[in-house]
Amino acid sequence: MDALKREEIINKYLNDLDNNLLFKKVIELNKLIKEKYFYLLSEYELSKSNLEKANKYYSNYNDLKNKYQKAKTNLFSKEEVKEYFKIRNELEDLINNDLKSVYEEVVIKID
């Protein structure tokens, strides 16, 4: 299969994915979460970054860890965030199954 044909197949798959209801819902929820929970999202990302930069011997490491856990709990407890991850996992499963099918077709052609 030449590169052009491969690119056409990938583009068709991505276009089909754009029309998938799960994909649309993930995009919609992502936008909603960024708008509605901007402060919680910022707090989570900052606390995560601070914790990653520190090592466990840092004098305030436990405080940073507690702030991160609190920020994560505050953000991830929101219904929209829970739904986002649930639907994103469903979408990931769909894509993985599609890839598995493609792989199986390739293996059949090889055998």
N, C-alpha and C. Protein backbone atom coordinates (compact mmCIF):
# COMPACT_ATOMS: atom_id res chain seq x y z
N MET A 1 0.85 -1.17 0.00
CA MET A 1 0.00 0.00 0.00
C MET A 1 0.90 1.24 0.00
N ASP A 2 0.63 2.12 -0.90
CA ASP A 2 1.46 3.32 -0.98
C ASP A 2 1.03 4.35 0.06
N ALA A 3 1.90 5.32 0.28
CA ALA A 3 1.68 6.32 1.33
C ALA A 3 0.43 7.15 1.07
N LEU A 4 0.13 7.44 -0.18
CA LEU A 4 -1.04 8.25 -0.52
C LEU A 4 -2.33 7.51 -0.15
N LYS A 5 -2.39 6.23 -0.47
CA LYS A 5 -3.57 5.42 -0.15
C LYS A 5 -3.74 5.33 1.37
N ARG A 6 -2.64 5.13 2.08
CA ARG A 6 -2.67 5.07 3.55
C ARG A 6 -3.20 6.37 4.12
N GLU A 7 -2.74 7.49 3.58
CA GLU A 7 -3.18 8.80 4.06
C GLU A 7 -4.67 9.00 3.80
N GLU A 8 -5.16 8.53 2.66
CA GLU A 8 -6.59 8.62 2.34
C GLU A 8 -7.42 7.83 3.34
N ILE A 9 -6.96 6.62 3.67
CA ILE A 9 -7.68 5.78 4.63
C ILE A 9 -7.71 6.43 6.00
N ILE A 10 -6.58 6.97 6.43
CA ILE A 10 -6.50 7.64 7.73
C ILE A 10 -7.41 8.86 7.76
N ASN A 11 -7.38 9.66 6.69
CA ASN A 11 -8.24 10.85 6.62
C ASN A 11 -9.72 10.48 6.64
N LYS A 12 -10.09 9.41 5.95
CA LYS A 12 -11.49 8.96 5.95
C LYS A 12 -11.88 8.53 7.36
N TYR A 13 -11.00 7.79 8.03
CA TYR A 13 -11.29 7.35 9.40
C TYR A 13 -11.47 8.56 10.32
N LEU A 14 -10.58 9.54 10.21
CA LEU A 14 -10.68 10.73 11.05
C LEU A 14 -11.95 11.52 10.76
N ASN A 15 -12.33 11.59 9.49
CA ASN A 15 -13.58 12.27 9.13
C ASN A 15 -14.79 11.53 9.70
N ASP A 16 -14.75 10.20 9.62
CA ASP A 16 -15.83 9.41 10.22
C ASP A 16 -15.87 9.61 11.73
N LEU A 17 -14.71 9.68 12.34
CA LEU A 17 -14.62 9.90 13.77
C LEU A 17 -15.21 11.26 14.16
N ASP A 18 -14.98 12.26 13.33
CA ASP A 18 -15.55 13.60 13.59
C ASP A 18 -17.07 13.55 13.69
N ASN A 19 -17.69 12.61 13.01
CA ASN A 19 -19.15 12.48 13.01
C ASN A 19 -19.66 11.52 14.08
N ASN A 20 -18.77 10.90 14.81
CA ASN A 20 -19.14 9.95 15.85
C ASN A 20 -19.72 10.70 17.05
N LEU A 21 -20.83 10.19 17.58
CA LEU A 21 -21.48 10.86 18.70
C LEU A 21 -20.62 10.89 19.96
N LEU A 22 -19.86 9.81 20.21
CA LEU A 22 -18.97 9.80 21.37
C LEU A 22 -17.91 10.88 21.24
N PHE A 23 -17.34 10.99 20.04
CA PHE A 23 -16.31 11.99 19.80
C PHE A 23 -16.87 13.40 20.00
N LYS A 24 -18.04 13.63 19.45
CA LYS A 24 -18.68 14.95 19.60
C LYS A 24 -18.95 15.27 21.06
N LYS A 25 -19.40 14.27 21.81
CA LYS A 25 -19.70 14.48 23.22
C LYS A 25 -18.43 14.78 24.03
N VAL A 26 -17.34 14.08 23.73
CA VAL A 26 -16.07 14.34 24.42
C VAL A 26 -15.61 15.76 24.15
N ILE A 27 -15.70 16.20 22.90
CA ILE A 27 -15.31 17.57 22.54
C ILE A 27 -16.18 18.58 23.28
N GLU A 28 -17.48 18.32 23.29
CA GLU A 28 -18.43 19.21 23.96
C GLU A 28 -18.14 19.30 25.47
N LEU A 29 -17.93 18.15 26.10
CA LEU A 29 -17.65 18.13 27.53
C LEU A 29 -16.31 18.79 27.85
N ASN A 30 -15.32 18.56 27.02
CA ASN A 30 -14.01 19.17 27.21
C ASN A 30 -14.14 20.70 27.21
N LYS A 31 -14.87 21.22 26.25
CA LYS A 31 -15.08 22.67 26.17
C LYS A 31 -15.83 23.19 27.40
N LEU A 32 -16.88 22.47 27.79
CA LEU A 32 -17.67 22.86 28.95
C LEU A 32 -16.83 22.87 30.23
N ILE A 33 -16.03 21.83 30.41
CA ILE A 33 -15.18 21.73 31.61
C ILE A 33 -14.17 22.87 31.64
N LYS A 34 -13.56 23.18 30.50
CA LYS A 34 -12.58 24.27 30.46
C LYS A 34 -13.22 25.61 30.79
N GLU A 35 -14.47 25.81 30.37
CA GLU A 35 -15.15 27.07 30.64
C GLU A 35 -15.73 27.12 32.06
N LYS A 36 -16.44 26.06 32.43
CA LYS A 36 -17.16 26.05 33.71
C LYS A 36 -16.23 25.87 34.91
N TYR A 37 -15.20 25.08 34.74
CA TYR A 37 -14.31 24.75 35.86
C TYR A 37 -12.90 25.26 35.61
N PHE A 38 -12.79 26.41 35.00
CA PHE A 38 -11.49 26.98 34.68
C PHE A 38 -10.63 27.10 35.94
N TYR A 39 -11.20 27.61 37.00
CA TYR A 39 -10.44 27.81 38.23
C TYR A 39 -9.97 26.47 38.81
N LEU A 40 -10.88 25.49 38.88
CA LEU A 40 -10.52 24.18 39.42
C LEU A 40 -9.47 23.49 38.55
N LEU A 41 -9.62 23.63 37.25
CA LEU A 41 -8.66 23.05 36.32
C LEU A 41 -7.28 23.69 36.48
N SER A 42 -7.26 25.00 36.60
CA SER A 42 -5.99 25.71 36.81
C SER A 42 -5.34 25.32 38.12
N GLU A 43 -6.16 25.23 39.14
CA GLU A 43 -5.66 24.84 40.47
C GLU A 43 -5.08 23.42 40.42
N TYR A 44 -5.76 22.52 39.74
CA TYR A 44 -5.30 21.14 39.60
C TYR A 44 -3.97 21.09 38.84
N GLU A 45 -3.90 21.76 37.71
CA GLU A 45 -2.68 21.73 36.89
C GLU A 45 -1.49 22.35 37.63
N LEU A 46 -1.73 23.44 38.35
CA LEU A 46 -0.65 24.09 39.10
C LEU A 46 -0.17 23.18 40.24
N SER A 47 -1.10 22.60 40.96
CA SER A 47 -0.70 21.74 42.09
C SER A 47 0.01 20.48 41.58
N LYS A 48 -0.41 19.96 40.45
CA LYS A 48 0.25 18.80 39.85
C LYS A 48 1.67 19.15 39.43
N SER A 49 1.82 20.29 38.79
CA SER A 49 3.13 20.75 38.35
C SER A 49 4.07 20.97 39.54
N ASN A 50 3.55 21.61 40.58
CA ASN A 50 4.37 21.86 41.77
C ASN A 50 4.82 20.56 42.42
N LEU A 51 3.92 19.59 42.49
CA LEU A 51 4.26 18.30 43.08
C LEU A 51 5.29 17.56 42.24
N GLU A 52 5.16 17.61 40.92
CA GLU A 52 6.10 16.94 40.03
C GLU A 52 7.50 17.55 40.12
N LYS A 53 7.58 18.85 40.36
CA LYS A 53 8.87 19.53 40.44
C LYS A 53 9.59 19.23 41.76
N ALA A 54 8.82 18.97 42.79
CA ALA A 54 9.41 18.72 44.11
C ALA A 54 9.77 17.24 44.23
N ASN A 55 10.72 16.95 45.08
CA ASN A 55 10.98 15.53 45.37
C ASN A 55 10.47 15.25 46.78
N LYS A 56 10.45 13.97 47.15
CA LYS A 56 9.85 13.61 48.43
C LYS A 56 10.62 14.14 49.63
N TYR A 57 11.82 14.65 49.42
CA TYR A 57 12.61 15.20 50.52
C TYR A 57 12.44 16.71 50.65
N TYR A 58 11.67 17.30 49.77
CA TYR A 58 11.39 18.74 49.83
C TYR A 58 10.64 19.03 51.12
N SER A 59 10.99 20.12 51.78
CA SER A 59 10.43 20.40 53.12
C SER A 59 8.90 20.49 53.13
N ASN A 60 8.29 20.99 52.06
CA ASN A 60 6.83 21.13 52.01
C ASN A 60 6.18 20.07 51.13
N TYR A 61 6.87 18.96 50.93
CA TYR A 61 6.36 17.94 50.01
C TYR A 61 4.96 17.45 50.40
N ASN A 62 4.75 17.18 51.69
CA ASN A 62 3.44 16.69 52.13
C ASN A 62 2.35 17.72 51.90
N ASP A 63 2.67 19.00 52.10
CA ASP A 63 1.69 20.07 51.82
C ASP A 63 1.36 20.11 50.33
N LEU A 64 2.40 20.00 49.49
CA LEU A 64 2.17 19.99 48.05
C LEU A 64 1.32 18.79 47.63
N LYS A 65 1.61 17.65 48.24
CA LYS A 65 0.87 16.43 47.94
C LYS A 65 -0.60 16.58 48.35
N ASN A 66 -0.83 17.15 49.53
CA ASN A 66 -2.20 17.37 50.01
C ASN A 66 -2.96 18.35 49.12
N LYS A 67 -2.28 19.42 48.71
CA LYS A 67 -2.93 20.40 47.82
C LYS A 67 -3.29 19.75 46.49
N TYR A 68 -2.40 18.93 45.98
CA TYR A 68 -2.67 18.23 44.72
C TYR A 68 -3.87 17.30 44.88
N GLN A 69 -3.89 16.50 45.94
CA GLN A 69 -4.99 15.56 46.15
C GLN A 69 -6.33 16.29 46.31
N LYS A 70 -6.30 17.42 47.01
CA LYS A 70 -7.53 18.20 47.19
C LYS A 70 -7.99 18.78 45.85
N ALA A 71 -7.06 19.34 45.09
CA ALA A 71 -7.41 19.93 43.79
C ALA A 71 -7.94 18.86 42.84
N LYS A 72 -7.31 17.70 42.86
CA LYS A 72 -7.75 16.60 42.00
C LYS A 72 -9.16 16.15 42.40
N THR A 73 -9.38 15.98 43.68
CA THR A 73 -10.70 15.57 44.17
C THR A 73 -11.77 16.60 43.80
N ASN A 74 -11.46 17.87 43.99
CA ASN A 74 -12.42 18.93 43.66
C ASN A 74 -12.81 18.91 42.19
N LEU A 75 -11.83 18.71 41.32
CA LEU A 75 -12.10 18.72 39.89
C LEU A 75 -12.77 17.42 39.44
N PHE A 76 -12.19 16.30 39.84
CA PHE A 76 -12.65 15.00 39.34
C PHE A 76 -13.97 14.55 39.96
N SER A 77 -14.46 15.26 40.96
CA SER A 77 -15.74 14.91 41.56
C SER A 77 -16.93 15.55 40.82
N LYS A 78 -16.65 16.45 39.92
CA LYS A 78 -17.71 17.11 39.14
C LYS A 78 -18.32 16.12 38.15
N GLU A 79 -19.65 16.16 38.03
CA GLU A 79 -20.35 15.20 37.16
C GLU A 79 -19.88 15.27 35.71
N GLU A 80 -19.65 16.46 35.22
CA GLU A 80 -19.20 16.61 33.83
C GLU A 80 -17.83 15.97 33.60
N VAL A 81 -16.98 16.06 34.60
CA VAL A 81 -15.64 15.48 34.49
C VAL A 81 -15.74 13.96 34.53
N LYS A 82 -16.57 13.44 35.41
CA LYS A 82 -16.78 11.99 35.47
C LYS A 82 -17.32 11.47 34.14
N GLU A 83 -18.30 12.19 33.61
CA GLU A 83 -18.90 11.79 32.33
C GLU A 83 -17.87 11.88 31.20
N TYR A 84 -17.05 12.93 31.23
CA TYR A 84 -16.00 13.10 30.22
C TYR A 84 -15.09 11.87 30.17
N PHE A 85 -14.60 11.44 31.32
CA PHE A 85 -13.68 10.30 31.35
C PHE A 85 -14.39 9.00 30.98
N LYS A 86 -15.64 8.86 31.37
CA LYS A 86 -16.39 7.66 31.00
C LYS A 86 -16.53 7.58 29.48
N ILE A 87 -16.94 8.67 28.87
CA ILE A 87 -17.14 8.69 27.42
C ILE A 87 -15.80 8.61 26.69
N ARG A 88 -14.79 9.26 27.21
CA ARG A 88 -13.47 9.18 26.59
C ARG A 88 -12.94 7.74 26.59
N ASN A 89 -13.19 7.02 27.68
CA ASN A 89 -12.79 5.61 27.73
C ASN A 89 -13.57 4.78 26.72
N GLU A 90 -14.85 5.06 26.55
CA GLU A 90 -15.65 4.36 25.54
C GLU A 90 -15.11 4.65 24.14
N LEU A 91 -14.75 5.89 23.89
CA LEU A 91 -14.18 6.27 22.60
C LEU A 91 -12.84 5.59 22.38
N GLU A 92 -12.03 5.53 23.41
CA GLU A 92 -10.74 4.86 23.32
C GLU A 92 -10.92 3.37 23.01
N ASP A 93 -11.91 2.75 23.64
CA ASP A 93 -12.20 1.34 23.36
C ASP A 93 -12.63 1.16 21.91
N LEU A 94 -13.46 2.05 21.42
CA LEU A 94 -13.91 1.99 20.03
C LEU A 94 -12.72 2.07 19.07
N ILE A 95 -11.85 3.03 19.30
CA ILE A 95 -10.67 3.21 18.45
C ILE A 95 -9.75 2.00 18.55
N ASN A 96 -9.54 1.50 19.75
CA ASN A 96 -8.70 0.31 19.92
C ASN A 96 -9.28 -0.90 19.19
N ASN A 97 -10.60 -1.06 19.24
CA ASN A 97 -11.23 -2.16 18.52
C ASN A 97 -11.07 -1.99 17.01
N ASP A 98 -11.19 -0.76 16.54
CA ASP A 98 -10.96 -0.50 15.11
C ASP A 98 -9.53 -0.85 14.72
N LEU A 99 -8.58 -0.45 15.55
CA LEU A 99 -7.18 -0.77 15.27
C LEU A 99 -6.93 -2.27 15.30
N LYS A 100 -7.58 -2.95 16.23
CA LYS A 100 -7.45 -4.40 16.32
C LYS A 100 -7.98 -5.06 15.04
N SER A 101 -9.09 -4.56 14.55
CA SER A 101 -9.67 -5.10 13.31
C SER A 101 -8.73 -4.88 12.13
N VAL A 102 -8.14 -3.70 12.06
CA VAL A 102 -7.19 -3.41 10.98
C VAL A 102 -5.99 -4.34 11.11
N TYR A 103 -5.48 -4.52 12.30
CA TYR A 103 -4.34 -5.40 12.53
C TYR A 103 -4.67 -6.83 12.09
N GLU A 104 -5.84 -7.30 12.47
CA GLU A 104 -6.24 -8.66 12.09
C GLU A 104 -6.34 -8.81 10.58
N GLU A 105 -6.81 -7.78 9.89
CA GLU A 105 -6.89 -7.82 8.43
C GLU A 105 -5.49 -7.89 7.82
N VAL A 106 -4.57 -7.15 8.40
CA VAL A 106 -3.19 -7.16 7.91
C VAL A 106 -2.57 -8.55 8.12
N VAL A 107 -2.78 -9.13 9.29
CA VAL A 107 -2.23 -10.45 9.60
C VAL A 107 -2.82 -11.50 8.64
N ILE A 108 -4.10 -11.41 8.36
CA ILE A 108 -4.74 -12.35 7.43
C ILE A 108 -4.09 -12.25 6.05
N LYS A 109 -3.81 -11.05 5.61
CA LYS A 109 -3.17 -10.86 4.30
C LYS A 109 -1.75 -11.41 4.29
N ILE A 110 -1.07 -11.31 5.41
CA ILE A 110 0.30 -11.81 5.49
C ILE A 110 0.31 -13.34 5.47
N ASP A 111 -0.62 -13.93 6.21
CA ASP A 111 -0.68 -15.40 6.28
C ASP A 111 -1.16 -15.91 4.96
